[in-house]
Amino acid sequence: MPAYVVLFRESEVRDPEEMEKYRSKGSDPTKFGLKPLVVYGAMTPLEGAAPDGVIVLEFPDVAAAKAWYYSPEYQDAVQHRLKAADYRGVIVEGF
């Protein structure tokens, strides 16, 4: 069953240098079956205030999503994203 990592950027990027470090540390997306579906696309708010940005990544299953997020490669990179801006994130199962 597919799983989706949904990341909400809750603030503007306050440290572009940290965000660039994050981007430069990208890992091979095919390693975990990651498929980007949404990366900061245009938004139409429906309920409540819209976040500053949204990312939706598809994985084959929850185990693959967790393996990607908790991998040493991604944990090395994510610290820079979290210094650059405020984020919330979830893994949600599809059907």
PDB file of N, CA and C in Angstrom:
ATOM      1  N   MET A   1       0.840  -1.170   0.000  1.00  0.00           N
ATOM      2  CA  MET A   1       0.000   0.000   0.000  1.00  0.00           C
ATOM      3  C   MET A   1       0.897   1.249   0.000  1.00  0.00           C
ATOM      4  N   PRO A   2       0.682   2.182  -0.928  1.00  0.00           N
ATOM      5  CA  PRO A   2       1.558   3.356  -0.976  1.00  0.00           C
ATOM      6  C   PRO A   2       1.449   4.211   0.283  1.00  0.00           C
ATOM      7  N   ALA A   3       2.501   4.947   0.540  1.00  0.00           N
ATOM      8  CA  ALA A   3       2.533   5.880   1.663  1.00  0.00           C
ATOM      9  C   ALA A   3       3.074   7.206   1.154  1.00  0.00           C
ATOM     10  N   TYR A   4       2.667   8.254   1.814  1.00  0.00           N
ATOM     11  CA  TYR A   4       3.038   9.596   1.387  1.00  0.00           C
ATOM     12  C   TYR A   4       3.663  10.364   2.547  1.00  0.00           C
ATOM     13  N   VAL A   5       4.782  11.000   2.272  1.00  0.00           N
ATOM     14  CA  VAL A   5       5.370  11.939   3.221  1.00  0.00           C
ATOM     15  C   VAL A   5       4.869  13.306   2.789  1.00  0.00           C
ATOM     16  N   VAL A   6       4.208  14.002   3.717  1.00  0.00           N
ATOM     17  CA  VAL A   6       3.692  15.338   3.440  1.00  0.00           C
ATOM     18  C   VAL A   6       4.409  16.297   4.387  1.00  0.00           C
ATOM     19  N   LEU A   7       5.096  17.261   3.799  1.00  0.00           N
ATOM     20  CA  LEU A   7       5.836  18.256   4.573  1.00  0.00           C
ATOM     21  C   LEU A   7       5.207  19.622   4.331  1.00  0.00           C
ATOM     22  N   PHE A   8       4.934  20.324   5.420  1.00  0.00           N
ATOM     23  CA  PHE A   8       4.368  21.662   5.362  1.00  0.00           C
ATOM     24  C   PHE A   8       5.424  22.657   5.834  1.00  0.00           C
ATOM     25  N   ARG A   9       5.817  23.582   4.970  1.00  0.00           N
ATOM     26  CA  ARG A   9       6.723  24.644   5.408  1.00  0.00           C
ATOM     27  C   ARG A   9       5.845  25.736   6.011  1.00  0.00           C
ATOM     28  N   GLU A  10       6.039  25.976   7.299  1.00  0.00           N
ATOM     29  CA  GLU A  10       5.174  26.882   8.042  1.00  0.00           C
ATOM     30  C   GLU A  10       5.700  28.310   8.098  1.00  0.00           C
ATOM     31  N   SER A  11       6.905  28.558   7.615  1.00  0.00           N
ATOM     32  CA  SER A  11       7.470  29.907   7.632  1.00  0.00           C
ATOM     33  C   SER A  11       8.254  30.129   6.345  1.00  0.00           C
ATOM     34  N   GLU A  12       8.540  31.377   6.079  1.00  0.00           N
ATOM     35  CA  GLU A  12       9.430  31.666   4.957  1.00  0.00           C
ATOM     36  C   GLU A  12      10.825  31.154   5.307  1.00  0.00           C
ATOM     37  N   VAL A  13      11.629  30.906   4.301  1.00  0.00           N
ATOM     38  CA  VAL A  13      13.007  30.481   4.531  1.00  0.00           C
ATOM     39  C   VAL A  13      13.747  31.653   5.167  1.00  0.00           C
ATOM     40  N   ARG A  14      14.281  31.423   6.376  1.00  0.00           N
ATOM     41  CA  ARG A  14      14.973  32.492   7.091  1.00  0.00           C
ATOM     42  C   ARG A  14      16.491  32.377   6.964  1.00  0.00           C
ATOM     43  N   ASP A  15      16.955  31.227   6.482  1.00  0.00           N
ATOM     44  CA  ASP A  15      18.397  31.035   6.328  1.00  0.00           C
ATOM     45  C   ASP A  15      18.669  30.322   5.002  1.00  0.00           C
ATOM     46  N   PRO A  16      18.802  31.083   3.909  1.00  0.00           N
ATOM     47  CA  PRO A  16      19.018  30.486   2.590  1.00  0.00           C
ATOM     48  C   PRO A  16      20.264  29.609   2.515  1.00  0.00           C
ATOM     49  N   GLU A  17      21.300  29.943   3.276  1.00  0.00           N
ATOM     50  CA  GLU A  17      22.522  29.134   3.248  1.00  0.00           C
ATOM     51  C   GLU A  17      22.260  27.735   3.793  1.00  0.00           C
ATOM     52  N   GLU A  18      21.476  27.642   4.869  1.00  0.00           N
ATOM     53  CA  GLU A  18      21.142  26.322   5.422  1.00  0.00           C
ATOM     54  C   GLU A  18      20.280  25.535   4.434  1.00  0.00           C
ATOM     55  N   MET A  19      19.364  26.222   3.752  1.00  0.00           N
ATOM     56  CA  MET A  19      18.515  25.533   2.774  1.00  0.00           C
ATOM     57  C   MET A  19      19.369  25.023   1.617  1.00  0.00           C
ATOM     58  N   GLU A  20      20.360  25.775   1.208  1.00  0.00           N
ATOM     59  CA  GLU A  20      21.242  25.323   0.130  1.00  0.00           C
ATOM     60  C   GLU A  20      22.056  24.106   0.575  1.00  0.00           C
ATOM     61  N   LYS A  21      22.497  24.094   1.823  1.00  0.00           N
ATOM     62  CA  LYS A  21      23.204  22.911   2.342  1.00  0.00           C
ATOM     63  C   LYS A  21      22.286  21.693   2.287  1.00  0.00           C
ATOM     64  N   TYR A  22      21.023  21.873   2.665  1.00  0.00           N
ATOM     65  CA  TYR A  22      20.052  20.776   2.609  1.00  0.00           C
ATOM     66  C   TYR A  22      19.921  20.258   1.180  1.00  0.00           C
ATOM     67  N   ARG A  23      19.731  21.153   0.237  1.00  0.00           N
ATOM     68  CA  ARG A  23      19.548  20.752  -1.163  1.00  0.00           C
ATOM     69  C   ARG A  23      20.779  20.049  -1.726  1.00  0.00           C
ATOM     70  N   SER A  24      21.948  20.463  -1.288  1.00  0.00           N
ATOM     71  CA  SER A  24      23.180  19.876  -1.818  1.00  0.00           C
ATOM     72  C   SER A  24      23.440  18.476  -1.281  1.00  0.00           C
ATOM     73  N   LYS A  25      22.748  18.088  -0.218  1.00  0.00           N
ATOM     74  CA  LYS A  25      22.968  16.783   0.388  1.00  0.00           C
ATOM     75  C   LYS A  25      21.926  15.758  -0.058  1.00  0.00           C
ATOM     76  N   GLY A  26      21.240  16.018  -1.126  1.00  0.00           N
ATOM     77  CA  GLY A  26      20.202  15.101  -1.594  1.00  0.00           C
ATOM     78  C   GLY A  26      20.736  13.705  -1.854  1.00  0.00           C
ATOM     79  N   SER A  27      19.917  12.723  -1.530  1.00  0.00           N
ATOM     80  CA  SER A  27      20.305  11.329  -1.770  1.00  0.00           C
ATOM     81  C   SER A  27      19.613  10.822  -3.027  1.00  0.00           C
ATOM     82  N   ASP A  28      19.976   9.657  -3.464  1.00  0.00           N
ATOM     83  CA  ASP A  28      19.405   9.032  -4.655  1.00  0.00           C
ATOM     84  C   ASP A  28      17.945   8.677  -4.373  1.00  0.00           C
ATOM     85  N   PRO A  29      16.980   9.355  -5.031  1.00  0.00           N
ATOM     86  CA  PRO A  29      15.565   9.095  -4.732  1.00  0.00           C
ATOM     87  C   PRO A  29      15.115   7.682  -5.082  1.00  0.00           C
ATOM     88  N   THR A  30      15.794   7.026  -6.023  1.00  0.00           N
ATOM     89  CA  THR A  30      15.376   5.682  -6.410  1.00  0.00           C
ATOM     90  C   THR A  30      15.737   4.644  -5.342  1.00  0.00           C
ATOM     91  N   LYS A  31      16.656   4.992  -4.462  1.00  0.00           N
ATOM     92  CA  LYS A  31      17.093   4.051  -3.419  1.00  0.00           C
ATOM     93  C   LYS A  31      15.937   3.597  -2.530  1.00  0.00           C
ATOM     94  N   PHE A  32      14.982   4.499  -2.277  1.00  0.00           N
ATOM     95  CA  PHE A  32      13.855   4.177  -1.397  1.00  0.00           C
ATOM     96  C   PHE A  32      12.530   4.139  -2.148  1.00  0.00           C
ATOM     97  N   GLY A  33      12.573   4.200  -3.462  1.00  0.00           N
ATOM     98  CA  GLY A  33      11.349   4.210  -4.259  1.00  0.00           C
ATOM     99  C   GLY A  33      10.594   5.516  -4.171  1.00  0.00           C
ATOM    100  N   LEU A  34      11.284   6.597  -3.805  1.00  0.00           N
ATOM    101  CA  LEU A  34      10.680   7.912  -3.629  1.00  0.00           C
ATOM    102  C   LEU A  34      10.261   8.492  -4.974  1.00  0.00           C
ATOM    103  N   LYS A  35       9.033   9.010  -5.006  1.00  0.00           N
ATOM    104  CA  LYS A  35       8.529   9.673  -6.212  1.00  0.00           C
ATOM    105  C   LYS A  35       7.944  11.017  -5.783  1.00  0.00           C
ATOM    106  N   PRO A  36       8.564  12.148  -6.166  1.00  0.00           N
ATOM    107  CA  PRO A  36       8.009  13.448  -5.804  1.00  0.00           C
ATOM    108  C   PRO A  36       6.721  13.710  -6.574  1.00  0.00           C
ATOM    109  N   LEU A  37       5.668  14.058  -5.872  1.00  0.00           N
ATOM    110  CA  LEU A  37       4.387  14.366  -6.507  1.00  0.00           C
ATOM    111  C   LEU A  37       4.092  15.861  -6.485  1.00  0.00           C
ATOM    112  N   VAL A  38       4.461  16.526  -5.391  1.00  0.00           N
ATOM    113  CA  VAL A  38       4.247  17.969  -5.236  1.00  0.00           C
ATOM    114  C   VAL A  38       5.490  18.553  -4.587  1.00  0.00           C
ATOM    115  N   VAL A  39       6.025  19.603  -5.183  1.00  0.00           N
ATOM    116  CA  VAL A  39       7.173  20.291  -4.597  1.00  0.00           C
ATOM    117  C   VAL A  39       6.923  21.795  -4.745  1.00  0.00           C
ATOM    118  N   TYR A  40       6.336  22.373  -3.713  1.00  0.00           N
ATOM    119  CA  TYR A  40       6.076  23.816  -3.642  1.00  0.00           C
ATOM    120  C   TYR A  40       5.266  24.337  -4.823  1.00  0.00           C
ATOM    121  N   GLY A  41       4.228  23.612  -5.200  1.00  0.00           N
ATOM    122  CA  GLY A  41       3.350  24.066  -6.274  1.00  0.00           C
ATOM    123  C   GLY A  41       2.415  25.169  -5.802  1.00  0.00           C
ATOM    124  N   ALA A  42       1.722  25.790  -6.750  1.00  0.00           N
ATOM    125  CA  ALA A  42       0.740  26.826  -6.430  1.00  0.00           C
ATOM    126  C   ALA A  42      -0.366  26.213  -5.570  1.00  0.00           C
ATOM    127  N   MET A  43      -0.867  26.985  -4.613  1.00  0.00           N
ATOM    128  CA  MET A  43      -1.878  26.479  -3.684  1.00  0.00           C
ATOM    129  C   MET A  43      -3.154  27.306  -3.767  1.00  0.00           C
ATOM    130  N   THR A  44      -4.268  26.645  -3.497  1.00  0.00           N
ATOM    131  CA  THR A  44      -5.562  27.295  -3.328  1.00  0.00           C
ATOM    132  C   THR A  44      -6.058  26.910  -1.939  1.00  0.00           C
ATOM    133  N   PRO A  45      -5.968  27.804  -0.961  1.00  0.00           N
ATOM    134  CA  PRO A  45      -6.407  27.463   0.401  1.00  0.00           C
ATOM    135  C   PRO A  45      -7.902  27.142   0.428  1.00  0.00           C
ATOM    136  N   LEU A  46      -8.265  26.113   1.159  1.00  0.00           N
ATOM    137  CA  LEU A  46      -9.665  25.725   1.306  1.00  0.00           C
ATOM    138  C   LEU A  46     -10.155  25.925   2.740  1.00  0.00           C
ATOM    139  N   GLU A  47      -9.357  25.496   3.707  1.00  0.00           N
ATOM    140  CA  GLU A  47      -9.751  25.588   5.111  1.00  0.00           C
ATOM    141  C   GLU A  47      -8.552  26.059   5.916  1.00  0.00           C
ATOM    142  N   GLY A  48      -8.681  27.143   6.630  1.00  0.00           N
ATOM    143  CA  GLY A  48      -7.578  27.669   7.420  1.00  0.00           C
ATOM    144  C   GLY A  48      -6.538  28.353   6.548  1.00  0.00           C
ATOM    145  N   ALA A  49      -5.511  28.817   7.217  1.00  0.00           N
ATOM    146  CA  ALA A  49      -4.434  29.516   6.508  1.00  0.00           C
ATOM    147  C   ALA A  49      -3.555  28.519   5.763  1.00  0.00           C
ATOM    148  N   ALA A  50      -3.144  28.896   4.581  1.00  0.00           N
ATOM    149  CA  ALA A  50      -2.250  28.036   3.786  1.00  0.00           C
ATOM    150  C   ALA A  50      -0.846  28.086   4.377  1.00  0.00           C
ATOM    151  N   PRO A  51      -0.114  26.961   4.352  1.00  0.00           N
ATOM    152  CA  PRO A  51       1.295  27.002   4.754  1.00  0.00           C
ATOM    153  C   PRO A  51       2.094  27.762   3.701  1.00  0.00           C
ATOM    154  N   ASP A  52       3.350  28.030   3.992  1.00  0.00           N
ATOM    155  CA  ASP A  52       4.221  28.721   3.047  1.00  0.00           C
ATOM    156  C   ASP A  52       4.542  27.823   1.853  1.00  0.00           C
ATOM    157  N   GLY A  53       4.541  26.511   2.059  1.00  0.00           N
ATOM    158  CA  GLY A  53       4.824  25.573   0.979  1.00  0.00           C
ATOM    159  C   GLY A  53       4.471  24.158   1.380  1.00  0.00           C
ATOM    160  N   VAL A  54       4.277  23.289   0.388  1.00  0.00           N
ATOM    161  CA  VAL A  54       3.900  21.890   0.620  1.00  0.00           C
ATOM    162  C   VAL A  54       4.732  20.999  -0.289  1.00  0.00           C
ATOM    163  N   ILE A  55       5.166  19.871   0.274  1.00  0.00           N
ATOM    164  CA  ILE A  55       5.851  18.829  -0.492  1.00  0.00           C
ATOM    165  C   ILE A  55       5.104  17.523  -0.231  1.00  0.00           C
ATOM    166  N   VAL A  56       4.849  16.752  -1.278  1.00  0.00           N
ATOM    167  CA  VAL A  56       4.241  15.424  -1.149  1.00  0.00           C
ATOM    168  C   VAL A  56       5.129  14.438  -1.889  1.00  0.00           C
ATOM    169  N   LEU A  57       5.605  13.442  -1.158  1.00  0.00           N
ATOM    170  CA  LEU A  57       6.481  12.410  -1.722  1.00  0.00           C
ATOM    171  C   LEU A  57       5.790  11.062  -1.591  1.00  0.00           C
ATOM    172  N   GLU A  58       5.771  10.291  -2.657  1.00  0.00           N
ATOM    173  CA  GLU A  58       5.153   8.964  -2.636  1.00  0.00           C
ATOM    174  C   GLU A  58       6.234   7.906  -2.449  1.00  0.00           C
ATOM    175  N   PHE A  59       5.913   6.895  -1.638  1.00  0.00           N
ATOM    176  CA  PHE A  59       6.778   5.743  -1.398  1.00  0.00           C
ATOM    177  C   PHE A  59       5.965   4.473  -1.594  1.00  0.00           C
ATOM    178  N   PRO A  60       6.635   3.353  -1.842  1.00  0.00           N
ATOM    179  CA  PRO A  60       5.907   2.099  -2.022  1.00  0.00           C
ATOM    180  C   PRO A  60       5.073   1.709  -0.798  1.00  0.00           C
ATOM    181  N   ASP A  61       5.562   2.045   0.401  1.00  0.00           N
ATOM    182  CA  ASP A  61       4.856   1.691   1.631  1.00  0.00           C
ATOM    183  C   ASP A  61       5.431   2.502   2.791  1.00  0.00           C
ATOM    184  N   VAL A  62       4.810   2.377   3.961  1.00  0.00           N
ATOM    185  CA  VAL A  62       5.251   3.126   5.135  1.00  0.00           C
ATOM    186  C   VAL A  62       6.684   2.757   5.513  1.00  0.00           C
ATOM    187  N   ALA A  63       7.033   1.489   5.401  1.00  0.00           N
ATOM    188  CA  ALA A  63       8.391   1.060   5.757  1.00  0.00           C
ATOM    189  C   ALA A  63       9.431   1.781   4.903  1.00  0.00           C
ATOM    190  N   ALA A  64       9.169   1.934   3.612  1.00  0.00           N
ATOM    191  CA  ALA A  64      10.115   2.636   2.734  1.00  0.00           C
ATOM    192  C   ALA A  64      10.194   4.120   3.088  1.00  0.00           C
ATOM    193  N   ALA A  65       9.057   4.729   3.422  1.00  0.00           N
ATOM    194  CA  ALA A  65       9.052   6.146   3.813  1.00  0.00           C
ATOM    195  C   ALA A  65       9.864   6.350   5.084  1.00  0.00           C
ATOM    196  N   LYS A  66       9.683   5.473   6.054  1.00  0.00           N
ATOM    197  CA  LYS A  66      10.448   5.569   7.300  1.00  0.00           C
ATOM    198  C   LYS A  66      11.931   5.297   7.053  1.00  0.00           C
ATOM    199  N   ALA A  67      12.224   4.333   6.201  1.00  0.00           N
ATOM    200  CA  ALA A  67      13.628   4.022   5.896  1.00  0.00           C
ATOM    201  C   ALA A  67      14.315   5.229   5.279  1.00  0.00           C
ATOM    202  N   TRP A  68      13.620   5.940   4.397  1.00  0.00           N
ATOM    203  CA  TRP A  68      14.180   7.156   3.798  1.00  0.00           C
ATOM    204  C   TRP A  68      14.379   8.238   4.859  1.00  0.00           C
ATOM    205  N   TYR A  69      13.314   8.533   5.609  1.00  0.00           N
ATOM    206  CA  TYR A  69      13.381   9.649   6.559  1.00  0.00           C
ATOM    207  C   TYR A  69      14.442   9.417   7.633  1.00  0.00           C
ATOM    208  N   TYR A  70      14.510   8.212   8.153  1.00  0.00           N
ATOM    209  CA  TYR A  70      15.440   7.920   9.241  1.00  0.00           C
ATOM    210  C   TYR A  70      16.814   7.449   8.765  1.00  0.00           C
ATOM    211  N   SER A  71      17.039   7.419   7.452  1.00  0.00           N
ATOM    212  CA  SER A  71      18.345   6.997   6.930  1.00  0.00           C
ATOM    213  C   SER A  71      19.422   7.981   7.375  1.00  0.00           C
ATOM    214  N   PRO A  72      20.641   7.496   7.565  1.00  0.00           N
ATOM    215  CA  PRO A  72      21.730   8.402   7.943  1.00  0.00           C
ATOM    216  C   PRO A  72      21.928   9.532   6.933  1.00  0.00           C
ATOM    217  N   GLU A  73      21.745   9.250   5.646  1.00  0.00           N
ATOM    218  CA  GLU A  73      21.918  10.279   4.616  1.00  0.00           C
ATOM    219  C   GLU A  73      20.904  11.404   4.794  1.00  0.00           C
ATOM    220  N   TYR A  74      19.629  11.025   4.996  1.00  0.00           N
ATOM    221  CA  TYR A  74      18.616  12.070   5.117  1.00  0.00           C
ATOM    222  C   TYR A  74      18.717  12.791   6.454  1.00  0.00           C
ATOM    223  N   GLN A  75      19.033  12.076   7.506  1.00  0.00           N
ATOM    224  CA  GLN A  75      19.184  12.734   8.802  1.00  0.00           C
ATOM    225  C   GLN A  75      20.341  13.728   8.788  1.00  0.00           C
ATOM    226  N   ASP A  76      21.359  13.457   7.996  1.00  0.00           N
ATOM    227  CA  ASP A  76      22.456  14.404   7.840  1.00  0.00           C
ATOM    228  C   ASP A  76      21.980  15.672   7.129  1.00  0.00           C
ATOM    229  N   ALA A  77      21.047  15.531   6.203  1.00  0.00           N
ATOM    230  CA  ALA A  77      20.553  16.670   5.431  1.00  0.00           C
ATOM    231  C   ALA A  77      19.442  17.433   6.148  1.00  0.00           C
ATOM    232  N   VAL A  78      18.511  16.732   6.771  1.00  0.00           N
ATOM    233  CA  VAL A  78      17.302  17.368   7.308  1.00  0.00           C
ATOM    234  C   VAL A  78      17.605  18.415   8.371  1.00  0.00           C
ATOM    235  N   GLN A  79      18.684  18.254   9.098  1.00  0.00           N
ATOM    236  CA  GLN A  79      19.025  19.251  10.123  1.00  0.00           C
ATOM    237  C   GLN A  79      19.167  20.639   9.506  1.00  0.00           C
ATOM    238  N   HIS A  80      19.634  20.716   8.271  1.00  0.00           N
ATOM    239  CA  HIS A  80      19.812  22.001   7.599  1.00  0.00           C
ATOM    240  C   HIS A  80      18.457  22.589   7.176  1.00  0.00           C
ATOM    241  N   ARG A  81      17.547  21.729   6.704  1.00  0.00           N
ATOM    242  CA  ARG A  81      16.212  22.209   6.329  1.00  0.00           C
ATOM    243  C   ARG A  81      15.502  22.785   7.547  1.00  0.00           C
ATOM    244  N   LEU A  82      15.638  22.108   8.684  1.00  0.00           N
ATOM    245  CA  LEU A  82      14.954  22.553   9.897  1.00  0.00           C
ATOM    246  C   LEU A  82      15.579  23.810  10.489  1.00  0.00           C
ATOM    247  N   LYS A  83      16.833  24.086  10.181  1.00  0.00           N
ATOM    248  CA  LYS A  83      17.446  25.358  10.573  1.00  0.00           C
ATOM    249  C   LYS A  83      17.010  26.484   9.640  1.00  0.00           C
ATOM    250  N   ALA A  84      16.677  26.140   8.399  1.00  0.00           N
ATOM    251  CA  ALA A  84      16.341  27.135   7.391  1.00  0.00           C
ATOM    252  C   ALA A  84      14.923  27.675   7.530  1.00  0.00           C
ATOM    253  N   ALA A  85      13.987  26.835   7.984  1.00  0.00           N
ATOM    254  CA  ALA A  85      12.582  27.242   8.070  1.00  0.00           C
ATOM    255  C   ALA A  85      11.859  26.308   9.035  1.00  0.00           C
ATOM    256  N   ASP A  86      10.621  26.687   9.393  1.00  0.00           N
ATOM    257  CA  ASP A  86       9.794  25.854  10.273  1.00  0.00           C
ATOM    258  C   ASP A  86       8.955  24.898   9.431  1.00  0.00           C
ATOM    259  N   TYR A  87       8.982  23.622   9.793  1.00  0.00           N
ATOM    260  CA  TYR A  87       8.257  22.590   9.055  1.00  0.00           C
ATOM    261  C   TYR A  87       7.438  21.705   9.984  1.00  0.00           C
ATOM    262  N   ARG A  88       6.392  21.118   9.432  1.00  0.00           N
ATOM    263  CA  ARG A  88       5.658  20.005  10.037  1.00  0.00           C
ATOM    264  C   ARG A  88       5.640  18.904   8.991  1.00  0.00           C
ATOM    265  N   GLY A  89       5.608  17.659   9.429  1.00  0.00           N
ATOM    266  CA  GLY A  89       5.585  16.565   8.470  1.00  0.00           C
ATOM    267  C   GLY A  89       4.869  15.351   9.010  1.00  0.00           C
ATOM    268  N   VAL A  90       4.285  14.587   8.098  1.00  0.00           N
ATOM    269  CA  VAL A  90       3.597  13.348   8.465  1.00  0.00           C
ATOM    270  C   VAL A  90       3.853  12.303   7.388  1.00  0.00           C
ATOM    271  N   ILE A  91       3.702  11.055   7.781  1.00  0.00           N
ATOM    272  CA  ILE A  91       3.621   9.941   6.837  1.00  0.00           C
ATOM    273  C   ILE A  91       2.168   9.485   6.901  1.00  0.00           C
ATOM    274  N   VAL A  92       1.533   9.375   5.746  1.00  0.00           N
ATOM    275  CA  VAL A  92       0.139   8.945   5.696  1.00  0.00           C
ATOM    276  C   VAL A  92       0.021   7.798   4.702  1.00  0.00           C
ATOM    277  N   GLU A  93      -0.727   6.761   5.098  1.00  0.00           N
ATOM    278  CA  GLU A  93      -0.949   5.614   4.207  1.00  0.00           C
ATOM    279  C   GLU A  93      -1.992   5.961   3.154  1.00  0.00           C
ATOM    280  N   GLY A  94      -1.743   5.503   1.943  1.00  0.00           N
ATOM    281  CA  GLY A  94      -2.703   5.658   0.867  1.00  0.00           C
ATOM    282  C   GLY A  94      -3.567   4.408   0.773  1.00  0.00           C
ATOM    283  N   PHE A  95      -4.261   4.273  -0.325  1.00  0.00           N
ATOM    284  CA  PHE A  95      -5.059   3.059  -0.573  1.00  0.00           C
ATOM    285  C   PHE A  95      -5.067   2.742  -2.037  1.00  0.00           C
TER     286      PHE A  95
END
